[in-house]
Amino acid sequence: MKFEKQAVRIFKALGDDTRYRIIRLLLERGELSCADFDREFHLSKSAMSHHYRVLENSGLITTRKAGQHIYMKINKQVLERFLPDFEKVHSKSGE
């Protein structure tokens, strides 16, 4: 994916409150499952699936499947490439 196109996808993805919160939770806790997010967000499974897909398509998260569970984590290489100090600035310790 071209740099400019991926940058636009990343900024659009982070422009949504829910997706921004998902990224912050992943930064704080590392890898989380869909069930973990279900406890944090009171949205339908299809709405959450949409948010995961947008984040994955932007390259900000990676997913892995283990049995019936899907786990997500930050793609640190992409985050650092496009937003070098994001974790420092946007983590709870940076507030």
Protein backbone atom coordinates (compact mmCIF):
# COMPACT_ATOMS: atom_id res chain seq x y z
CA MET A 1 0.00 0.00 0.00
CA LYS A 2 1.32 3.45 -0.87
CA PHE A 3 2.49 5.58 2.04
CA GLU A 4 -0.03 8.37 1.39
CA LYS A 5 -2.96 5.99 1.02
CA GLN A 6 -2.09 4.16 4.23
CA ALA A 7 -1.59 7.45 6.11
CA VAL A 8 -5.09 8.59 5.11
CA ARG A 9 -6.57 5.25 6.23
CA ILE A 10 -4.79 5.50 9.58
CA PHE A 11 -5.95 9.04 10.27
CA LYS A 12 -9.53 8.21 9.23
CA ALA A 13 -9.47 5.14 11.48
CA LEU A 14 -8.27 7.14 14.48
CA GLY A 15 -10.82 9.89 13.79
CA ASP A 16 -13.54 7.70 15.30
CA ASP A 17 -13.93 7.70 19.11
CA THR A 18 -14.48 3.95 19.38
CA ARG A 19 -11.48 3.04 17.25
CA TYR A 20 -9.29 5.53 19.09
CA ARG A 21 -10.35 3.90 22.40
CA ILE A 22 -9.65 0.43 20.99
CA ILE A 23 -6.10 1.50 20.11
CA ARG A 24 -5.56 3.02 23.56
CA LEU A 25 -6.80 -0.16 25.25
CA LEU A 26 -4.47 -2.26 23.12
CA LEU A 27 -1.55 0.01 24.00
CA GLU A 28 -2.36 -0.33 27.71
CA ARG A 29 -3.09 -4.04 27.81
CA GLY A 30 -1.33 -5.62 24.85
CA GLU A 31 -3.28 -8.34 23.06
CA LEU A 32 -7.05 -8.47 23.65
CA SER A 33 -9.84 -10.69 22.39
CA CYS A 34 -13.22 -9.68 21.02
CA ALA A 35 -14.71 -10.85 24.32
CA ASP A 36 -12.44 -8.40 26.17
CA PHE A 37 -13.73 -5.57 24.01
CA ASP A 38 -17.34 -6.70 24.51
CA ARG A 39 -16.87 -5.98 28.23
CA GLU A 40 -15.52 -2.48 27.48
CA PHE A 41 -17.91 -1.37 24.75
CA HIS A 42 -21.69 -1.66 24.69
CA LEU A 43 -22.02 -1.96 20.92
CA SER A 44 -23.38 -4.72 18.73
CA LYS A 45 -21.03 -7.42 17.48
CA SER A 46 -21.48 -6.18 13.92
CA ALA A 47 -20.58 -2.61 14.93
CA MET A 48 -17.45 -3.81 16.72
CA SER A 49 -16.56 -6.04 13.77
CA HIS A 50 -16.72 -2.99 11.52
CA HIS A 51 -14.31 -1.09 13.81
CA TYR A 52 -11.88 -4.03 13.90
CA ARG A 53 -11.97 -4.28 10.12
CA VAL A 54 -11.24 -0.57 9.65
CA LEU A 55 -8.30 -0.77 12.07
CA GLU A 56 -6.95 -3.92 10.43
CA ASN A 57 -7.32 -2.47 6.91
CA SER A 58 -5.39 0.63 8.01
CA GLY A 59 -2.58 -1.61 9.25
CA LEU A 60 -2.84 -0.39 12.86
CA ILE A 61 -3.78 -3.79 14.29
CA THR A 62 -3.08 -7.40 13.52
CA THR A 63 -5.39 -10.28 14.36
CA ARG A 64 -4.90 -13.94 15.07
CA LYS A 65 -7.43 -16.69 15.54
CA ALA A 66 -7.10 -19.28 18.28
CA GLY A 67 -9.98 -21.74 18.24
CA GLN A 68 -13.17 -19.68 18.25
CA HIS A 69 -11.47 -16.58 19.63
CA ILE A 70 -9.95 -13.70 17.70
CA TYR A 71 -7.16 -11.71 19.32
CA MET A 72 -5.94 -8.28 18.33
CA LYS A 73 -2.77 -6.35 19.01
CA ILE A 74 -1.15 -3.14 17.82
CA ASN A 75 1.08 -3.31 14.78
CA LYS A 76 3.87 -1.34 16.45
CA GLN A 77 5.88 -0.99 13.23
CA VAL A 78 3.03 0.80 11.48
CA LEU A 79 2.17 2.91 14.53
CA GLU A 80 5.79 4.04 14.93
CA ARG A 81 6.21 4.72 11.23
CA PHE A 82 3.16 6.95 10.91
CA LEU A 83 2.73 8.25 14.48
CA PRO A 84 6.14 8.00 16.21
CA ASP A 85 5.16 9.36 19.64
CA PHE A 86 1.55 8.19 19.67
CA GLU A 87 1.99 5.71 22.51
CA LYS A 88 3.86 8.21 24.68
CA VAL A 89 1.37 11.02 24.06
CA HIS A 90 -1.90 9.05 24.05
CA SER A 91 -1.39 6.39 26.71
CA LYS A 92 -2.94 6.90 30.13
CA SER A 93 0.50 7.65 31.58
CA GLY A 94 0.81 10.49 29.03
CA GLU A 95 -2.39 12.22 30.23
